[in-house]
Amino acid sequence: MKSYGVIFVLYHPNEAFLRNLGKAAAAGQNVVAVDNSPQPDAVLYDALQRQGCTVLHNANRGGLAGAYNRGAERLLERGCEVIFLLDQDSDIGEDFFAAMMQACEREPGEAFVLGPKIYEINLEKFMPVLPPGPRWPKPQKMREPTEGVFDTLFVISSGSAISAQAYRRLGAFREDYFIEYIDIEYGLRANSQGIPVRMNAAVQMRQTTGQIERHGRLFTTNHAAWRRYYGARNGVFTLRLYRRRWALHWFGGLLALHQAFNVLLFEPQKLRKVLAVACGYVDGRRGRLGTFESLHPRLAAFCKKEPAQRGALGAAPVATESSS
């Protein structure tokens, strides 16, 4: 049986997330809680350590990607063969890790990335998989399958299992992305290097992505303006980065336009968010990466005036106390 460890990313964690963390700690595995909150919480850390967790205060260095990398470094030092990622927008069952490890044991190679079947709570639907291939990927619906693994271009980071060998071959998550498209880039990187990325239909995880509101056939996530910047920028840059293998480079611009369209139709703070999307698109085309604040301090300050949104994917810009 392969040994595994779990990385939990904290950002002002709620009670439901701490219960998830407790499920992993109770299994007696290596658990590393990486806190991206601006200030350390000594009371919380003491409680987690009594449960057997290792606690690292990352203070959002490198954003969500940085938290994953700090945790992975610690688990690799301990000889873990599989690394699980989890953030506080996810809800897992009691047998989640055991069931996922059964699929990991069946993987034919030592290098792999494996994610669970994702049920989006607010949309009330399962996320599809995008089978890799030379042509435009045709989404495969996952409502019906309840067993087997399915090849896909990427899996979302939360709930995913990355083998130690895959992490060593692929390297760290991109901290210059900070947040957004971290998992998509990692999946495309893995596929481009011949490392399989698969979704395990036998294990289900419930997930929320932002404060989703449905408007007929359309929906919007209500992400903050700074989050809109990273979504547009990293999407454009990622799909252009792998354009020689998958002809998706034009799709990043379409997604940025879709973001702006939904903001104009349904969301408040329209000016801030549309400016952030436009700025992100330009930076993505130019390959300008790093934190929003360091690249555009005045625009970032303007965007940060909007109401706080906490808890999404466990990360927010370093100078922001808000956070999918």
Protein backbone atom coordinates (compact mmCIF):
# COMPACT_ATOMS: atom_id res chain seq x y z
CA MET A 1 0.00 0.00 0.00
CA LYS A 2 1.37 3.39 -1.02
CA SER A 3 1.88 5.95 1.72
CA TYR A 4 0.09 9.25 1.30
CA GLY A 5 -0.11 12.68 2.83
CA VAL A 6 -2.66 15.48 2.68
CA ILE A 7 -2.18 19.21 2.17
CA PHE A 8 -4.99 21.37 3.52
CA VAL A 9 -4.88 25.04 2.58
CA LEU A 10 -6.42 27.30 5.21
CA TYR A 11 -7.69 30.84 4.84
CA HIS A 12 -9.84 31.93 7.78
CA PRO A 13 -11.17 28.35 7.85
CA ASN A 14 -14.81 27.62 8.63
CA GLU A 15 -16.07 24.81 10.85
CA ALA A 16 -17.06 22.56 7.92
CA PHE A 17 -13.54 22.69 6.54
CA LEU A 18 -11.99 21.92 9.90
CA ARG A 19 -14.23 18.83 10.07
CA ASN A 20 -12.77 17.72 6.72
CA LEU A 21 -9.31 18.24 8.13
CA GLY A 22 -10.26 16.16 11.15
CA LYS A 23 -11.31 13.27 8.89
CA ALA A 24 -7.83 13.09 7.42
CA ALA A 25 -6.10 13.46 10.78
CA ALA A 26 -8.23 10.64 12.19
CA ALA A 27 -6.97 8.32 9.44
CA GLY A 28 -3.48 8.63 10.95
CA GLN A 29 -1.85 9.91 7.76
CA ASN A 30 0.61 12.73 7.24
CA VAL A 31 -1.47 15.91 7.32
CA VAL A 32 0.03 19.32 6.63
CA ALA A 33 -2.20 22.35 7.18
CA VAL A 34 -0.81 25.36 5.30
CA ASP A 35 -2.37 28.58 6.55
CA ASN A 36 -2.51 31.38 3.97
CA SER A 37 -4.23 33.77 6.38
CA PRO A 38 -2.36 37.05 6.88
CA GLN A 39 -1.82 36.51 10.62
CA PRO A 40 -1.06 33.25 12.45
CA ASP A 41 -3.70 31.83 14.80
CA ALA A 42 -1.87 30.26 17.75
CA VAL A 43 -5.04 28.80 19.28
CA LEU A 44 -6.05 27.10 16.03
CA TYR A 45 -2.52 25.84 15.40
CA ASP A 46 -2.31 24.32 18.85
CA ALA A 47 -5.63 22.51 18.34
CA LEU A 48 -4.52 21.17 14.95
CA GLN A 49 -1.18 20.00 16.28
CA ARG A 50 -2.93 18.09 19.07
CA GLN A 51 -4.80 16.23 16.29
CA GLY A 52 -1.46 15.23 14.79
CA CYS A 53 -1.32 17.86 12.02
CA THR A 54 1.77 19.75 10.97
CA VAL A 55 0.98 23.45 10.63
CA LEU A 56 2.81 25.87 8.34
CA HIS A 57 2.00 29.58 8.26
CA ASN A 58 2.59 30.61 4.64
CA ALA A 59 0.97 34.09 4.83
CA ASN A 60 -0.08 33.73 1.17
CA ARG A 61 3.47 33.59 -0.17
CA GLY A 62 2.95 32.52 -3.77
CA GLY A 63 -0.83 32.39 -3.24
CA LEU A 64 -2.60 29.05 -3.50
CA ALA A 65 0.25 27.63 -5.58
CA GLY A 66 2.73 28.57 -2.88
CA ALA A 67 0.67 26.83 -0.22
CA TYR A 68 0.56 23.64 -2.28
CA ASN A 69 4.31 23.76 -2.86
CA ARG A 70 5.19 24.34 0.81
CA GLY A 71 3.02 21.39 1.79
CA ALA A 72 4.39 19.15 -0.97
CA GLU A 73 7.96 19.90 0.08
CA ARG A 74 7.20 18.75 3.62
CA LEU A 75 5.39 15.57 2.52
CA LEU A 76 8.13 14.60 0.09
CA GLU A 77 10.67 14.95 2.90
CA ARG A 78 8.62 12.38 4.82
CA GLY A 79 8.67 9.92 1.95
CA CYS A 80 4.98 10.14 0.99
CA GLU A 81 4.29 8.41 -2.32
CA VAL A 82 0.98 10.20 -3.02
CA ILE A 83 0.09 13.82 -2.22
CA PHE A 84 -3.53 14.93 -1.82
CA LEU A 85 -4.58 18.57 -2.20
CA LEU A 86 -7.65 19.96 -0.49
CA ASP A 87 -9.10 23.43 0.03
CA GLN A 88 -11.98 24.72 2.05
CA ASP A 89 -14.53 24.88 -0.77
CA SER A 90 -14.65 21.07 -0.86
CA ASP A 91 -16.76 18.53 1.03
CA ILE A 92 -15.44 14.98 1.27
CA GLY A 93 -16.91 11.75 2.63
CA GLU A 94 -15.49 9.64 5.44
CA ASP A 95 -14.04 7.08 3.01
CA PHE A 96 -12.70 9.62 0.50
CA PHE A 97 -8.98 8.98 0.95
CA ALA A 98 -9.29 5.20 1.23
CA ALA A 99 -11.36 5.03 -1.96
CA MET A 100 -9.04 7.34 -3.87
CA MET A 101 -6.01 5.34 -2.76
CA GLN A 102 -7.59 2.18 -4.15
CA ALA A 103 -7.57 3.84 -7.58
CA CYS A 104 -4.00 5.07 -7.04
CA GLU A 105 -2.89 1.52 -6.32
CA ARG A 106 -4.39 0.40 -9.64
CA GLU A 107 -2.50 3.00 -11.69
CA PRO A 108 -0.13 1.15 -14.04
CA GLY A 109 2.68 3.68 -13.72
CA GLU A 110 4.34 5.49 -10.83
CA ALA A 111 3.69 8.98 -12.22
CA PHE A 112 0.05 10.10 -12.37
CA VAL A 113 -2.47 12.78 -11.42
CA LEU A 114 -5.88 11.51 -10.30
CA GLY A 115 -8.95 13.50 -9.33
CA PRO A 116 -12.41 12.56 -8.00
CA LYS A 117 -15.73 13.04 -9.75
CA ILE A 118 -16.82 16.60 -8.94
CA TYR A 119 -20.38 17.63 -8.09
CA GLU A 120 -20.81 21.40 -8.27
CA ILE A 121 -23.22 22.15 -5.44
CA ASN A 122 -24.57 25.47 -6.67
CA LEU A 123 -25.03 24.34 -10.26
CA GLU A 124 -26.40 20.96 -9.15
CA LYS A 125 -24.43 19.09 -11.80
CA PHE A 126 -21.29 17.02 -12.26
CA MET A 127 -18.28 18.60 -13.94
CA PRO A 128 -17.41 16.97 -17.29
CA VAL A 129 -14.04 15.64 -18.31
CA LEU A 130 -12.17 16.86 -21.39
CA PRO A 131 -10.46 13.87 -23.05
CA PRO A 132 -7.02 14.77 -24.42
CA GLY A 133 -6.52 14.53 -28.16
CA PRO A 134 -5.17 16.43 -31.15
CA ARG A 135 -8.50 18.07 -31.92
CA TRP A 136 -10.89 20.25 -29.96
CA PRO A 137 -11.79 18.30 -26.80
CA LYS A 138 -15.40 17.15 -26.63
CA PRO A 139 -16.68 17.31 -23.04
CA GLN A 140 -17.75 13.97 -21.64
CA LYS A 141 -20.63 14.15 -19.18
CA MET A 142 -20.03 12.40 -15.86
CA ARG A 143 -23.54 12.13 -14.41
CA GLU A 144 -23.92 8.45 -15.20
CA PRO A 145 -20.51 6.76 -14.66
CA THR A 146 -19.99 5.46 -11.13
CA GLU A 147 -16.81 3.45 -11.69
CA GLY A 148 -13.68 3.49 -13.80
CA VAL A 149 -11.12 6.20 -14.54
CA PHE A 150 -11.37 8.64 -17.44
CA ASP A 151 -8.49 10.43 -19.16
CA THR A 152 -8.84 14.20 -19.11
CA LEU A 153 -6.81 17.31 -19.89
CA PHE A 154 -6.90 18.38 -16.25
CA VAL A 155 -8.62 17.89 -12.89
CA ILE A 156 -9.33 20.58 -10.34
CA SER A 157 -6.64 20.76 -7.69
CA SER A 158 -8.84 20.25 -4.64
CA GLY A 159 -9.34 16.56 -4.00
CA SER A 160 -6.68 15.51 -6.49
CA ALA A 161 -3.95 12.96 -5.80
CA ILE A 162 -0.50 13.56 -7.30
CA SER A 163 2.09 10.84 -7.12
CA ALA A 164 5.45 11.87 -5.70
CA GLN A 165 7.13 10.78 -8.91
CA ALA A 166 4.78 12.95 -10.98
CA TYR A 167 5.46 15.98 -8.76
CA ARG A 168 9.21 15.47 -9.00
CA ARG A 169 9.05 15.15 -12.80
CA LEU A 170 6.65 18.04 -13.36
CA GLY A 171 8.04 20.38 -10.73
CA ALA A 172 6.20 22.82 -8.51
CA PHE A 173 2.92 24.60 -9.13
CA ARG A 174 3.44 27.99 -10.75
CA GLU A 175 3.59 30.60 -8.02
CA ASP A 176 3.69 33.40 -10.60
CA TYR A 177 0.06 32.43 -11.37
CA PHE A 178 -0.81 33.02 -7.70
CA ILE A 179 -4.36 31.67 -8.13
CA GLU A 180 -6.62 30.56 -11.01
CA TYR A 181 -5.62 28.05 -13.71
CA ILE A 182 -2.97 26.56 -11.41
CA ASP A 183 -4.54 23.13 -11.75
CA ILE A 184 -5.35 23.52 -15.45
CA GLU A 185 -1.76 24.46 -16.27
CA TYR A 186 -0.50 21.54 -14.18
CA GLY A 187 -2.79 19.11 -15.98
CA LEU A 188 -1.75 20.37 -19.40
CA ARG A 189 1.89 20.22 -18.31
CA ALA A 190 1.43 16.61 -17.21
CA ASN A 191 -0.32 15.57 -20.42
CA SER A 192 2.33 17.27 -22.52
CA GLN A 193 5.01 15.19 -20.75
CA GLY A 194 3.18 11.88 -21.04
CA ILE A 195 1.98 11.73 -17.43
CA PRO A 196 -1.66 10.57 -17.29
CA VAL A 197 -4.31 12.79 -15.76
CA ARG A 198 -7.51 10.96 -14.88
CA MET A 199 -10.84 11.41 -13.13
CA ASN A 200 -11.95 8.61 -10.82
CA ALA A 201 -15.71 8.14 -11.28
CA ALA A 202 -15.97 5.86 -8.24
CA VAL A 203 -15.28 8.70 -5.78
CA GLN A 204 -17.44 11.80 -5.57
CA MET A 205 -16.52 15.15 -4.04
CA ARG A 206 -18.90 18.06 -3.52
CA GLN A 207 -17.44 21.43 -4.46
CA THR A 208 -18.45 25.08 -4.66
CA THR A 209 -16.89 27.60 -7.02
CA GLY A 210 -17.48 31.15 -5.88
CA GLN A 211 -20.91 32.52 -5.05
CA ILE A 212 -22.64 31.12 -8.09
CA GLU A 213 -25.99 32.55 -9.15
CA ARG A 214 -28.01 30.99 -11.94
CA HIS A 215 -29.85 33.13 -14.49
CA GLY A 216 -31.71 30.71 -16.69
CA ARG A 217 -29.14 28.89 -18.81
CA LEU A 218 -26.44 31.33 -17.74
CA PHE A 219 -24.66 31.62 -14.41
CA THR A 220 -22.10 33.87 -12.81
CA THR A 221 -19.60 33.26 -10.01
CA ASN A 222 -19.56 36.78 -8.45
CA HIS A 223 -15.81 36.63 -8.03
CA ALA A 224 -14.05 39.75 -6.83
CA ALA A 225 -12.36 42.08 -9.32
CA TRP A 226 -8.83 40.92 -8.38
CA ARG A 227 -9.95 37.34 -8.98
CA ARG A 228 -11.32 38.31 -12.38
CA TYR A 229 -7.89 39.67 -13.27
CA TYR A 230 -6.12 36.38 -12.52
CA GLY A 231 -8.83 34.36 -14.27
CA ALA A 232 -8.49 36.32 -17.50
CA ARG A 233 -4.70 36.62 -17.44
CA ASN A 234 -3.82 33.08 -16.49
CA GLY A 235 -6.39 31.62 -18.87
CA VAL A 236 -5.03 33.52 -21.85
CA PHE A 237 -1.42 32.77 -20.94
CA THR A 238 -1.96 29.06 -20.19
CA LEU A 239 -3.77 28.22 -23.41
CA ARG A 240 -1.18 30.12 -25.45
CA LEU A 241 1.61 28.35 -23.56
CA TYR A 242 0.43 24.95 -24.81
CA ARG A 243 -0.84 26.04 -28.22
CA ARG A 244 1.60 23.83 -30.13
CA ARG A 245 0.01 20.71 -28.63
CA TRP A 246 -3.61 21.81 -28.32
CA ALA A 247 -5.12 24.45 -30.59
CA LEU A 248 -6.83 26.27 -27.73
CA HIS A 249 -4.87 29.54 -27.76
CA TRP A 250 -7.84 31.56 -29.02
CA PHE A 251 -10.16 30.18 -26.34
CA GLY A 252 -8.57 32.19 -23.52
CA GLY A 253 -9.68 35.43 -25.13
CA LEU A 254 -13.20 34.06 -25.57
CA LEU A 255 -13.32 33.10 -21.89
CA ALA A 256 -12.18 36.60 -20.89
CA LEU A 257 -14.93 38.08 -23.04
CA HIS A 258 -17.42 35.71 -21.44
CA GLN A 259 -16.30 36.87 -17.98
CA ALA A 260 -16.85 40.51 -18.90
CA PHE A 261 -20.22 39.72 -20.50
CA ASN A 262 -21.50 38.01 -17.33
CA VAL A 263 -20.24 40.84 -15.14
CA LEU A 264 -22.04 43.43 -17.26
CA LEU A 265 -25.26 41.42 -17.22
CA PHE A 266 -25.46 40.21 -13.63
CA GLU A 267 -22.83 41.48 -11.21
CA PRO A 268 -22.19 44.62 -9.16
CA GLN A 269 -18.87 46.51 -9.27
CA LYS A 270 -19.00 46.36 -13.08
CA LEU A 271 -16.33 48.98 -13.81
CA ARG A 272 -13.75 47.45 -11.47
CA LYS A 273 -14.34 43.93 -12.72
CA VAL A 274 -14.37 44.75 -16.44
CA LEU A 275 -11.17 46.79 -16.07
CA ALA A 276 -9.56 43.88 -14.22
CA VAL A 277 -10.59 41.43 -16.97
CA ALA A 278 -9.28 43.73 -19.72
CA CYS A 279 -6.00 44.25 -17.88
CA GLY A 280 -5.67 40.51 -17.30
CA TYR A 281 -6.23 39.76 -20.96
CA VAL A 282 -3.50 42.19 -22.03
CA ASP A 283 -1.04 40.84 -19.44
CA GLY A 284 -1.83 37.28 -20.50
CA ARG A 285 -1.06 38.09 -24.11
CA ARG A 286 2.20 39.76 -23.08
CA GLY A 287 3.19 37.02 -20.64
CA ARG A 288 3.32 39.36 -17.65
CA LEU A 289 2.90 37.24 -14.53
CA GLY A 290 3.12 37.85 -10.81
CA THR A 291 0.81 39.48 -8.28
CA PHE A 292 -1.77 41.99 -9.38
CA GLU A 293 -0.46 44.49 -6.81
CA SER A 294 3.13 44.38 -8.04
CA LEU A 295 2.17 44.74 -11.70
CA HIS A 296 -0.62 47.30 -11.40
CA PRO A 297 -0.60 48.88 -7.93
CA ARG A 298 -3.07 51.67 -8.71
CA LEU A 299 -5.60 49.46 -10.47
CA ALA A 300 -5.25 46.78 -7.80
CA ALA A 301 -5.91 49.35 -5.08
CA PHE A 302 -9.00 50.52 -6.97
CA CYS A 303 -10.25 46.95 -7.36
CA LYS A 304 -9.72 46.12 -3.70
CA LYS A 305 -12.34 48.65 -2.66
CA GLU A 306 -15.10 46.16 -3.41
CA PRO A 307 -16.74 44.05 -0.66
CA ALA A 308 -14.69 41.17 0.75
CA GLN A 309 -15.38 37.60 -0.41
CA ARG A 310 -13.78 35.09 1.90
CA GLY A 311 -13.20 31.40 1.67
CA ALA A 312 -12.80 30.90 -2.07
CA LEU A 313 -10.01 28.44 -2.80
CA GLY A 314 -8.30 29.61 0.33
CA ALA A 315 -6.33 32.42 -1.25
CA ALA A 316 -6.40 36.14 -1.91
CA PRO A 317 -3.78 38.74 -2.82
CA VAL A 318 -1.27 39.31 -0.04
CA ALA A 319 -2.43 42.86 0.60
CA THR A 320 -6.08 41.83 0.56
CA GLU A 321 -7.96 40.29 3.47
CA SER A 322 -10.71 38.89 1.25
CA SER A 323 -10.83 35.67 -0.62
CA SER A 324 -12.70 29.76 -5.50
